Amino acid sequence: MAQIGYVTVEEANEYVREHYMSTDDACIRWDILSDEDKAVLLRTSFEAIELLPFPGHKSYKDQTTAFPRYPDTTVPPAVVAAQVENALASSDSSEVEEDQNYAKMRAWGIQSYSIGNLSETLGAGGSSAVAAAVDACTQAGITSVKAQRLLTPFLRGGYRIT
């Protein structure tokens, strides 16, 4: 099957089998999807990753994807895993609905809200660099917390020490 971003459907299936127990809800949801539906989720996840503001530049002059990043010549496994993790999270319709509600609140400029004794602040928390990376992920459509953690090191920049 064809490559969809950084992964094929078969590779995504293998990733899910290796990282989730067969009784896990996420694994069950993924297994019942058709290959066409999996491809849609992987494509949407890839497109969200491509929207992120990665520092540095691409490795090759004619490269059409964000990765690999110079000086690397291959796509990091964490980026491949993030694409699959976000696609997997997107297969959960209740999570997608919740994420859409939060996205609407952010788009309307809501930073926090209260309902009775419950209050919530719509920020990532933590260090400002991590918070900025998580916010960039969320705005791009990376709603999986695991995918956000996998992508955060690539968004923060820094220096390569050799």
Protein backbone atom coordinates (compact mmCIF):
# COMPACT_ATOMS: atom_id res chain seq x y z
CA MET A 1 0.00 0.00 0.00
CA ALA A 2 1.07 3.58 -0.62
CA GLN A 3 2.87 5.83 1.81
CA ILE A 4 0.55 8.31 3.54
CA GLY A 5 2.81 11.01 4.86
CA TYR A 6 5.44 9.20 6.90
CA VAL A 7 3.77 5.79 7.18
CA THR A 8 1.73 3.18 5.31
CA VAL A 9 -1.50 1.68 6.65
CA GLU A 10 0.35 -1.62 7.17
CA GLU A 11 3.06 0.11 9.20
CA ALA A 12 0.40 1.89 11.26
CA ASN A 13 -1.33 -1.45 11.89
CA GLU A 14 1.98 -2.92 13.06
CA TYR A 15 2.63 0.06 15.34
CA VAL A 16 -0.79 -0.35 16.98
CA ARG A 17 -0.21 -4.11 17.47
CA GLU A 18 3.19 -3.42 19.05
CA HIS A 19 2.06 -0.60 21.37
CA TYR A 20 -1.48 -1.56 22.43
CA MET A 21 -2.95 -4.71 23.92
CA SER A 22 -5.60 -6.42 21.79
CA THR A 23 -8.19 -5.67 24.49
CA ASP A 24 -7.40 -1.92 24.56
CA ASP A 25 -10.28 0.25 23.30
CA ALA A 26 -7.93 2.13 20.96
CA CYS A 27 -6.71 -1.13 19.38
CA ILE A 28 -10.27 -2.42 18.98
CA ARG A 29 -11.39 0.87 17.37
CA TRP A 30 -8.43 0.78 14.97
CA ASP A 31 -8.96 -2.86 14.01
CA ILE A 32 -12.60 -2.38 13.01
CA LEU A 33 -11.77 0.53 10.67
CA SER A 34 -11.45 -0.17 6.96
CA ASP A 35 -8.08 0.50 5.34
CA GLU A 36 -9.70 3.46 3.56
CA ASP A 37 -10.80 5.00 6.87
CA LYS A 38 -7.36 4.39 8.39
CA ALA A 39 -5.82 6.14 5.36
CA VAL A 40 -8.09 9.15 5.90
CA LEU A 41 -7.10 9.40 9.58
CA LEU A 42 -3.40 9.00 8.76
CA ARG A 43 -3.62 11.65 6.02
CA THR A 44 -5.40 14.10 8.33
CA SER A 45 -2.81 13.47 11.03
CA PHE A 46 0.05 13.96 8.55
CA GLU A 47 -1.47 17.22 7.30
CA ALA A 48 -1.71 18.47 10.90
CA ILE A 49 1.98 17.64 11.51
CA GLU A 50 2.92 19.50 8.33
CA LEU A 51 1.24 22.66 9.69
CA LEU A 52 3.59 22.83 12.69
CA PRO A 53 6.34 25.49 12.82
CA PHE A 54 9.45 23.32 13.04
CA PRO A 55 12.71 25.23 13.48
CA GLY A 56 15.60 24.75 11.08
CA HIS A 57 15.14 23.60 7.53
CA LYS A 58 14.43 20.55 5.45
CA SER A 59 17.26 18.15 4.59
CA TYR A 60 16.78 18.20 0.81
CA LYS A 61 16.19 21.06 -1.60
CA ASP A 62 13.22 19.42 -3.37
CA GLN A 63 11.73 17.85 -0.22
CA THR A 64 7.93 18.27 0.00
CA THR A 65 7.47 17.16 3.62
CA ALA A 66 8.62 18.78 6.87
CA PHE A 67 10.83 15.81 7.75
CA PRO A 68 13.63 14.89 7.67
CA ARG A 69 15.15 18.06 9.11
CA TYR A 70 18.77 19.00 8.46
CA PRO A 71 21.21 17.39 9.26
CA ASP A 72 19.12 14.19 9.52
CA THR A 73 18.50 12.13 6.39
CA THR A 74 15.60 10.02 7.70
CA VAL A 75 12.31 10.77 9.41
CA PRO A 76 12.67 10.30 13.18
CA PRO A 77 10.70 7.34 14.59
CA ALA A 78 9.01 9.72 17.06
CA VAL A 79 7.45 11.67 14.17
CA VAL A 80 6.15 8.47 12.57
CA ALA A 81 4.75 7.38 15.94
CA ALA A 82 3.12 10.80 16.42
CA GLN A 83 1.34 10.49 13.07
CA VAL A 84 -0.07 7.09 14.05
CA GLU A 85 -0.93 8.13 17.62
CA ASN A 86 -2.85 11.18 16.40
CA ALA A 87 -4.69 9.11 13.80
CA LEU A 88 -5.54 6.55 16.47
CA ALA A 89 -6.86 9.25 18.83
CA SER A 90 -8.90 10.70 15.95
CA SER A 91 -10.69 7.36 15.58
CA ASP A 92 -12.48 8.05 18.90
CA SER A 93 -15.54 10.14 17.99
CA SER A 94 -16.17 11.28 21.58
CA GLU A 95 -12.58 12.58 21.86
CA VAL A 96 -12.90 14.33 18.50
CA GLU A 97 -16.12 16.04 19.62
CA GLU A 98 -14.48 17.21 22.86
CA ASP A 99 -11.43 18.50 20.97
CA GLN A 100 -13.68 20.40 18.57
CA ASN A 101 -15.46 22.06 21.51
CA TYR A 102 -12.14 23.18 23.00
CA ALA A 103 -10.98 24.42 19.59
CA LYS A 104 -14.15 26.52 19.30
CA MET A 105 -13.56 28.03 22.74
CA ARG A 106 -9.98 28.93 21.83
CA ALA A 107 -11.13 30.41 18.51
CA TRP A 108 -13.64 32.56 20.41
CA GLY A 109 -10.85 33.77 22.68
CA ILE A 110 -11.98 31.90 25.79
CA GLN A 111 -8.97 31.27 28.02
CA SER A 112 -10.82 29.94 31.08
CA TYR A 113 -14.36 29.25 32.26
CA SER A 114 -16.27 28.29 35.40
CA ILE A 115 -19.42 26.27 35.97
CA GLY A 116 -20.38 26.22 39.62
CA ASN A 117 -17.38 24.96 41.58
CA LEU A 118 -15.62 23.71 38.45
CA SER A 119 -13.18 25.96 36.66
CA GLU A 120 -10.81 25.21 33.80
CA THR A 121 -8.00 27.14 32.13
CA LEU A 122 -7.39 26.29 28.49
CA GLY A 123 -3.59 26.43 28.56
CA ALA A 124 -0.94 23.76 28.30
CA GLY A 125 0.74 24.66 31.58
CA GLY A 126 4.35 23.74 32.30
CA SER A 127 7.31 25.65 30.94
CA SER A 128 6.64 28.34 28.37
CA ALA A 129 8.54 26.42 25.64
CA VAL A 130 6.55 23.25 26.26
CA ALA A 131 3.28 25.19 26.56
CA ALA A 132 3.97 26.94 23.25
CA ALA A 133 4.74 23.61 21.55
CA VAL A 134 1.56 22.00 22.92
CA ASP A 135 -0.52 25.01 21.88
CA ALA A 136 0.96 24.85 18.36
CA CYS A 137 0.11 21.14 18.19
CA THR A 138 -3.45 21.69 19.39
CA GLN A 139 -4.05 24.53 16.95
CA ALA A 140 -2.71 22.42 14.07
CA GLY A 141 -5.03 19.52 14.93
CA ILE A 142 -2.68 17.28 16.92
CA THR A 143 -5.08 16.36 19.70
CA SER A 144 -3.41 13.19 20.97
CA VAL A 145 -1.48 13.98 24.15
CA LYS A 146 0.99 11.21 23.31
CA ALA A 147 1.54 12.65 19.81
CA GLN A 148 2.05 16.10 21.31
CA ARG A 149 4.71 14.73 23.68
CA LEU A 150 6.44 12.99 20.77
CA LEU A 151 6.50 16.17 18.65
CA THR A 152 7.39 18.71 21.35
CA PRO A 153 11.20 18.16 21.19
CA PHE A 154 11.13 18.97 17.46
CA LEU A 155 9.20 22.20 18.03
CA ARG A 156 11.39 23.63 20.76
CA GLY A 157 14.52 23.94 18.65
CA GLY A 158 17.87 23.89 20.35
CA TYR A 159 21.35 22.88 19.37
CA ARG A 160 22.76 19.56 18.25
CA ILE A 161 25.84 18.61 20.24
CA THR A 162 28.18 16.19 18.53
